[in-house]
Every structure is written in C-alpha cells, then in structure tokens.
PDB file of N, CA and C in Angstrom:
ATOM      1  N   UNK A   1      73.472 -14.139   1.765  1.00  0.00           N
ATOM      2  CA  UNK A   1      72.498 -15.174   2.081  1.00  0.00           C
ATOM      3  C   UNK A   1      73.078 -16.204   3.052  1.00  0.00           C
ATOM      4  N   UNK A   2      74.394 -16.411   2.998  1.00  0.00           N
ATOM      5  CA  UNK A   2      75.007 -17.361   3.925  1.00  0.00           C
ATOM      6  C   UNK A   2      74.858 -16.880   5.359  1.00  0.00           C
ATOM      7  N   UNK A   3      74.947 -15.576   5.560  1.00  0.00           N
ATOM      8  CA  UNK A   3      74.791 -15.031   6.908  1.00  0.00           C
ATOM      9  C   UNK A   3      73.348 -15.180   7.382  1.00  0.00           C
ATOM     10  N   UNK A   4      72.398 -14.965   6.498  1.00  0.00           N
ATOM     11  CA  UNK A   4      70.985 -15.113   6.855  1.00  0.00           C
ATOM     12  C   UNK A   4      70.717 -16.549   7.289  1.00  0.00           C
ATOM     13  N   UNK A   5      71.342 -17.504   6.621  1.00  0.00           N
ATOM     14  CA  UNK A   5      71.148 -18.917   6.970  1.00  0.00           C
ATOM     15  C   UNK A   5      71.689 -19.251   8.355  1.00  0.00           C
ATOM     16  N   UNK A   6      72.606 -18.432   8.864  1.00  0.00           N
ATOM     17  CA  UNK A   6      73.180 -18.667  10.190  1.00  0.00           C
ATOM     18  C   UNK A   6      72.295 -18.139  11.321  1.00  0.00           C
ATOM     19  N   UNK A   7      71.278 -17.360  10.970  1.00  0.00           N
ATOM     20  CA  UNK A   7      70.377 -16.811  11.987  1.00  0.00           C
ATOM     21  C   UNK A   7      69.552 -17.929  12.628  1.00  0.00           C
ATOM     22  N   UNK A   8      69.138 -17.730  13.882  1.00  0.00           N
ATOM     23  CA  UNK A   8      68.197 -18.679  14.491  1.00  0.00           C
ATOM     24  C   UNK A   8      66.927 -18.773  13.639  1.00  0.00           C
ATOM     25  N   UNK A   9      66.257 -19.881  13.701  1.00  0.00           N
ATOM     26  CA  UNK A   9      65.109 -20.149  12.834  1.00  0.00           C
ATOM     27  C   UNK A   9      64.055 -19.041  12.880  1.00  0.00           C
ATOM     28  N   UNK A  10      63.680 -18.606  14.071  1.00  0.00           N
ATOM     29  CA  UNK A  10      62.649 -17.566  14.186  1.00  0.00           C
ATOM     30  C   UNK A  10      63.073 -16.269  13.528  1.00  0.00           C
ATOM     31  N   UNK A  11      64.295 -15.844  13.766  1.00  0.00           N
ATOM     32  CA  UNK A  11      64.812 -14.615  13.158  1.00  0.00           C
ATOM     33  C   UNK A  11      64.815 -14.759  11.637  1.00  0.00           C
ATOM     34  N   UNK A  12      65.346 -15.885  11.161  1.00  0.00           N
ATOM     35  CA  UNK A  12      65.490 -16.118   9.726  1.00  0.00           C
ATOM     36  C   UNK A  12      64.121 -16.152   9.039  1.00  0.00           C
ATOM     37  N   UNK A  13      63.164 -16.797   9.658  1.00  0.00           N
ATOM     38  CA  UNK A  13      61.826 -16.908   9.063  1.00  0.00           C
ATOM     39  C   UNK A  13      61.196 -15.540   8.890  1.00  0.00           C
ATOM     40  N   UNK A  14      61.201 -14.740   9.949  1.00  0.00           N
ATOM     41  CA  UNK A  14      60.603 -13.402   9.869  1.00  0.00           C
ATOM     42  C   UNK A  14      61.388 -12.529   8.898  1.00  0.00           C
ATOM     43  N   UNK A  15      62.707 -12.599   8.938  1.00  0.00           N
ATOM     44  CA  UNK A  15      63.540 -11.805   8.027  1.00  0.00           C
ATOM     45  C   UNK A  15      63.189 -12.131   6.574  1.00  0.00           C
ATOM     46  N   UNK A  16      63.129 -13.414   6.253  1.00  0.00           N
ATOM     47  CA  UNK A  16      62.812 -13.818   4.879  1.00  0.00           C
ATOM     48  C   UNK A  16      61.416 -13.370   4.458  1.00  0.00           C
ATOM     49  N   UNK A  17      60.445 -13.568   5.330  1.00  0.00           N
ATOM     50  CA  UNK A  17      59.079 -13.183   4.992  1.00  0.00           C
ATOM     51  C   UNK A  17      58.936 -11.676   4.806  1.00  0.00           C
ATOM     52  N   UNK A  18      59.595 -10.893   5.658  1.00  0.00           N
ATOM     53  CA  UNK A  18      59.454  -9.444   5.600  1.00  0.00           C
ATOM     54  C   UNK A  18      60.327  -8.835   4.503  1.00  0.00           C
ATOM     55  N   UNK A  19      61.615  -9.118   4.542  1.00  0.00           N
ATOM     56  CA  UNK A  19      62.568  -8.454   3.644  1.00  0.00           C
ATOM     57  C   UNK A  19      62.543  -9.041   2.234  1.00  0.00           C
ATOM     58  N   UNK A  20      62.542 -10.341   2.135  1.00  0.00           N
ATOM     59  CA  UNK A  20      62.667 -10.965   0.821  1.00  0.00           C
ATOM     60  C   UNK A  20      61.312 -11.142   0.137  1.00  0.00           C
ATOM     61  N   UNK A  21      60.327 -11.625   0.903  1.00  0.00           N
ATOM     62  CA  UNK A  21      59.027 -11.904   0.288  1.00  0.00           C
ATOM     63  C   UNK A  21      58.044 -10.742   0.376  1.00  0.00           C
ATOM     64  N   UNK A  22      58.343  -9.742   1.193  1.00  0.00           N
ATOM     65  CA  UNK A  22      57.540  -8.524   1.217  1.00  0.00           C
ATOM     66  C   UNK A  22      56.248  -8.563   2.006  1.00  0.00           C
ATOM     67  N   UNK A  23      56.110  -9.505   2.913  1.00  0.00           N
ATOM     68  CA  UNK A  23      54.909  -9.556   3.743  1.00  0.00           C
ATOM     69  C   UNK A  23      54.958  -8.474   4.817  1.00  0.00           C
ATOM     70  N   UNK A  24      53.792  -8.026   5.253  1.00  0.00           N
ATOM     71  CA  UNK A  24      53.678  -7.062   6.353  1.00  0.00           C
ATOM     72  C   UNK A  24      53.734  -7.831   7.673  1.00  0.00           C
ATOM     73  N   UNK A  25      54.051  -7.113   8.739  1.00  0.00           N
ATOM     74  CA  UNK A  25      54.148  -7.769  10.051  1.00  0.00           C
ATOM     75  C   UNK A  25      52.827  -8.420  10.460  1.00  0.00           C
ATOM     76  N   UNK A  26      51.728  -7.794  10.140  1.00  0.00           N
ATOM     77  CA  UNK A  26      50.422  -8.375  10.486  1.00  0.00           C
ATOM     78  C   UNK A  26      50.232  -9.721   9.786  1.00  0.00           C
ATOM     79  N   UNK A  27      50.626  -9.796   8.511  1.00  0.00           N
ATOM     80  CA  UNK A  27      50.503 -11.050   7.762  1.00  0.00           C
ATOM     81  C   UNK A  27      51.430 -12.127   8.334  1.00  0.00           C
ATOM     82  N   UNK A  28      52.644 -11.727   8.661  1.00  0.00           N
ATOM     83  CA  UNK A  28      53.614 -12.663   9.233  1.00  0.00           C
ATOM     84  C   UNK A  28      53.093 -13.207  10.560  1.00  0.00           C
ATOM     85  N   UNK A  29      52.555 -12.311  11.375  1.00  0.00           N
ATOM     86  CA  UNK A  29      52.018 -12.711  12.676  1.00  0.00           C
ATOM     87  C   UNK A  29      50.923 -13.761  12.511  1.00  0.00           C
ATOM     88  N   UNK A  30      50.052 -13.551  11.547  1.00  0.00           N
ATOM     89  CA  UNK A  30      48.973 -14.516  11.306  1.00  0.00           C
ATOM     90  C   UNK A  30      49.525 -15.847  10.807  1.00  0.00           C
ATOM     91  N   UNK A  31      50.497 -15.802   9.890  1.00  0.00           N
ATOM     92  CA  UNK A  31      51.078 -17.032   9.335  1.00  0.00           C
ATOM     93  C   UNK A  31      51.768 -17.868  10.404  1.00  0.00           C
ATOM     94  N   UNK A  32      52.492 -17.181  11.299  1.00  0.00           N
ATOM     95  CA  UNK A  32      53.307 -17.876  12.294  1.00  0.00           C
ATOM     96  C   UNK A  32      52.596 -18.047  13.634  1.00  0.00           C
ATOM     97  N   UNK A  33      51.394 -17.525  13.721  1.00  0.00           N
ATOM     98  CA  UNK A  33      50.607 -17.588  14.953  1.00  0.00           C
ATOM     99  C   UNK A  33      51.356 -16.959  16.125  1.00  0.00           C
ATOM    100  N   UNK A  34      51.869 -15.743  15.870  1.00  0.00           N
ATOM    101  CA  UNK A  34      52.529 -14.938  16.904  1.00  0.00           C
ATOM    102  C   UNK A  34      51.922 -13.543  16.853  1.00  0.00           C
ATOM    103  N   UNK A  35      52.286 -12.700  17.804  1.00  0.00           N
ATOM    104  CA  UNK A  35      51.777 -11.335  17.784  1.00  0.00           C
ATOM    105  C   UNK A  35      52.556 -10.516  16.760  1.00  0.00           C
ATOM    106  N   UNK A  36      51.961  -9.418  16.349  1.00  0.00           N
ATOM    107  CA  UNK A  36      52.639  -8.504  15.432  1.00  0.00           C
ATOM    108  C   UNK A  36      53.903  -7.951  16.085  1.00  0.00           C
ATOM    109  N   UNK A  37      53.836  -7.707  17.377  1.00  0.00           N
ATOM    110  CA  UNK A  37      54.986  -7.229  18.133  1.00  0.00           C
ATOM    111  C   UNK A  37      56.138  -8.235  18.097  1.00  0.00           C
ATOM    112  N   UNK A  38      55.805  -9.505  18.209  1.00  0.00           N
ATOM    113  CA  UNK A  38      56.836 -10.545  18.145  1.00  0.00           C
ATOM    114  C   UNK A  38      57.509 -10.547  16.781  1.00  0.00           C
ATOM    115  N   UNK A  39      56.733 -10.399  15.735  1.00  0.00           N
ATOM    116  CA  UNK A  39      57.286 -10.342  14.385  1.00  0.00           C
ATOM    117  C   UNK A  39      58.264  -9.174  14.256  1.00  0.00           C
ATOM    118  N   UNK A  40      57.868  -8.017  14.742  1.00  0.00           N
ATOM    119  CA  UNK A  40      58.736  -6.833  14.673  1.00  0.00           C
ATOM    120  C   UNK A  40      60.014  -7.034  15.487  1.00  0.00           C
ATOM    121  N   UNK A  41      59.873  -7.636  16.657  1.00  0.00           N
ATOM    122  CA  UNK A  41      61.031  -7.879  17.518  1.00  0.00           C
ATOM    123  C   UNK A  41      61.997  -8.863  16.860  1.00  0.00           C
ATOM    124  N   UNK A  42      61.455  -9.924  16.281  1.00  0.00           N
ATOM    125  CA  UNK A  42      62.297 -10.917  15.604  1.00  0.00           C
ATOM    126  C   UNK A  42      63.070 -10.278  14.448  1.00  0.00           C
ATOM    127  N   UNK A  43      62.422  -9.398  13.700  1.00  0.00           N
ATOM    128  CA  UNK A  43      63.093  -8.710  12.594  1.00  0.00           C
ATOM    129  C   UNK A  43      64.193  -7.795  13.119  1.00  0.00           C
ATOM    130  N   UNK A  44      63.897  -7.057  14.180  1.00  0.00           N
ATOM    131  CA  UNK A  44      64.890  -6.166  14.779  1.00  0.00           C
ATOM    132  C   UNK A  44      66.120  -6.958  15.224  1.00  0.00           C
ATOM    133  N   UNK A  45      65.884  -8.077  15.890  1.00  0.00           N
ATOM    134  CA  UNK A  45      66.987  -8.900  16.385  1.00  0.00           C
ATOM    135  C   UNK A  45      67.754  -9.541  15.231  1.00  0.00           C
ATOM    136  N   UNK A  46      67.053  -9.928  14.187  1.00  0.00           N
ATOM    137  CA  UNK A  46      67.714 -10.511  13.014  1.00  0.00           C
ATOM    138  C   UNK A  46      68.646  -9.491  12.380  1.00  0.00           C
ATOM    139  N   UNK A  47      68.168  -8.279  12.203  1.00  0.00           N
ATOM    140  CA  UNK A  47      68.999  -7.219  11.605  1.00  0.00           C
ATOM    141  C   UNK A  47      70.209  -6.915  12.481  1.00  0.00           C
ATOM    142  N   UNK A  48      70.004  -6.878  13.775  1.00  0.00           N
ATOM    143  CA  UNK A  48      71.119  -6.614  14.700  1.00  0.00           C
ATOM    144  C   UNK A  48      72.156  -7.735  14.625  1.00  0.00           C
ATOM    145  N   UNK A  49      71.692  -8.968  14.574  1.00  0.00           N
ATOM    146  CA  UNK A  49      72.611 -10.106  14.490  1.00  0.00           C
ATOM    147  C   UNK A  49      73.382 -10.085  13.169  1.00  0.00           C
ATOM    148  N   UNK A  50      72.701  -9.761  12.078  1.00  0.00           N
ATOM    149  CA  UNK A  50      73.374  -9.668  10.782  1.00  0.00           C
ATOM    150  C   UNK A  50      74.428  -8.563  10.790  1.00  0.00           C
ATOM    151  N   UNK A  51      74.111  -7.455  11.426  1.00  0.00           N
ATOM    152  CA  UNK A  51      75.068  -6.349  11.510  1.00  0.00           C
ATOM    153  C   UNK A  51      76.341  -6.800  12.225  1.00  0.00           C
ATOM    154  N   UNK A  52      76.180  -7.514  13.318  1.00  0.00           N
ATOM    155  CA  UNK A  52      77.330  -8.017  14.072  1.00  0.00           C
ATOM    156  C   UNK A  52      78.138  -8.985  13.208  1.00  0.00           C
ATOM    157  N   UNK A  53      77.462  -9.884  12.523  1.00  0.00           N
ATOM    158  CA  UNK A  53      78.163 -10.855  11.675  1.00  0.00           C
ATOM    159  C   UNK A  53      78.942 -10.160  10.557  1.00  0.00           C
ATOM    160  N   UNK A  54      78.357  -9.139   9.960  1.00  0.00           N
ATOM    161  CA  UNK A  54      79.035  -8.393   8.893  1.00  0.00           C
ATOM    162  C   UNK A  54      80.251  -7.667   9.444  1.00  0.00           C
ATOM    163  N   UNK A  55      80.100  -7.057  10.606  1.00  0.00           N
ATOM    164  CA  UNK A  55      81.236  -6.354  11.223  1.00  0.00           C
ATOM    165  C   UNK A  55      82.370  -7.334  11.535  1.00  0.00           C
ATOM    166  N   UNK A  56      82.036  -8.530  11.993  1.00  0.00           N
ATOM    167  CA  UNK A  56      83.058  -9.535  12.287  1.00  0.00           C
ATOM    168  C   UNK A  56      83.781  -9.977  11.017  1.00  0.00           C
ATOM    169  N   UNK A  57      83.036 -10.129   9.929  1.00  0.00           N
ATOM    170  CA  UNK A  57      83.650 -10.494   8.652  1.00  0.00           C
ATOM    171  C   UNK A  57      84.612  -9.411   8.182  1.00  0.00           C
ATOM    172  N   UNK A  58      84.187  -8.158   8.327  1.00  0.00           N
ATOM    173  CA  UNK A  58      85.019  -7.040   7.901  1.00  0.00           C
ATOM    174  C   UNK A  58      86.311  -6.990   8.707  1.00  0.00           C
ATOM    175  N   UNK A  59      86.239  -7.270  10.000  1.00  0.00           N
ATOM    176  CA  UNK A  59      87.421  -7.270  10.843  1.00  0.00           C
ATOM    177  C   UNK A  59      88.368  -8.402  10.451  1.00  0.00           C
ATOM    178  N   UNK A  60      87.839  -9.536  10.076  1.00  0.00           N
ATOM    179  CA  UNK A  60      88.653 -10.680   9.673  1.00  0.00           C
ATOM    180  C   UNK A  60      89.383 -10.395   8.365  1.00  0.00           C
ATOM    181  N   UNK A  61      88.778  -9.596   7.508  1.00  0.00           N
ATOM    182  CA  UNK A  61      89.388  -9.290   6.222  1.00  0.00           C
ATOM    183  C   UNK A  61      90.513  -8.283   6.330  1.00  0.00           C
ATOM    184  N   UNK A  62      90.595  -7.580   7.431  1.00  0.00           N
ATOM    185  CA  UNK A  62      91.636  -6.552   7.587  1.00  0.00           C
ATOM    186  C   UNK A  62      92.941  -7.126   8.027  1.00  0.00           C
TER     187      UNK A  62
END
C-alpha cells in the first residue's frame, strides 16, 4: 500500500477504484468525468509504475 500511495493522483485513484473497490472502467469513467479509455490507460500506467517500484525495492534488498 505504501507503493500505491507513491503513485500520481490519477493513477492511484483509478487503481484504487478498479483493483481495490472493484468498479468497472465505465463506472470509473463516469465518476471521474473521463473517457473509459483514459481509465484503462491510467490503470495500465499505474501497474507499470508499481512494477518498476517493486523491482527497485528487490534490487535494493540484494
């Protein structure tokens, strides 16, 4: 959760709504007044950023 908190606001908001709260992209788009495509893109970028952060943590632990 600490890594999720480090995400930019838009990434974090969509990530939380989709992954944690279980909303669909269409619902997220309506809530945030963005397109469904934007919601999907924000989630993709959030996951990619989290992957990088996790890999960096793993390298630091070695």
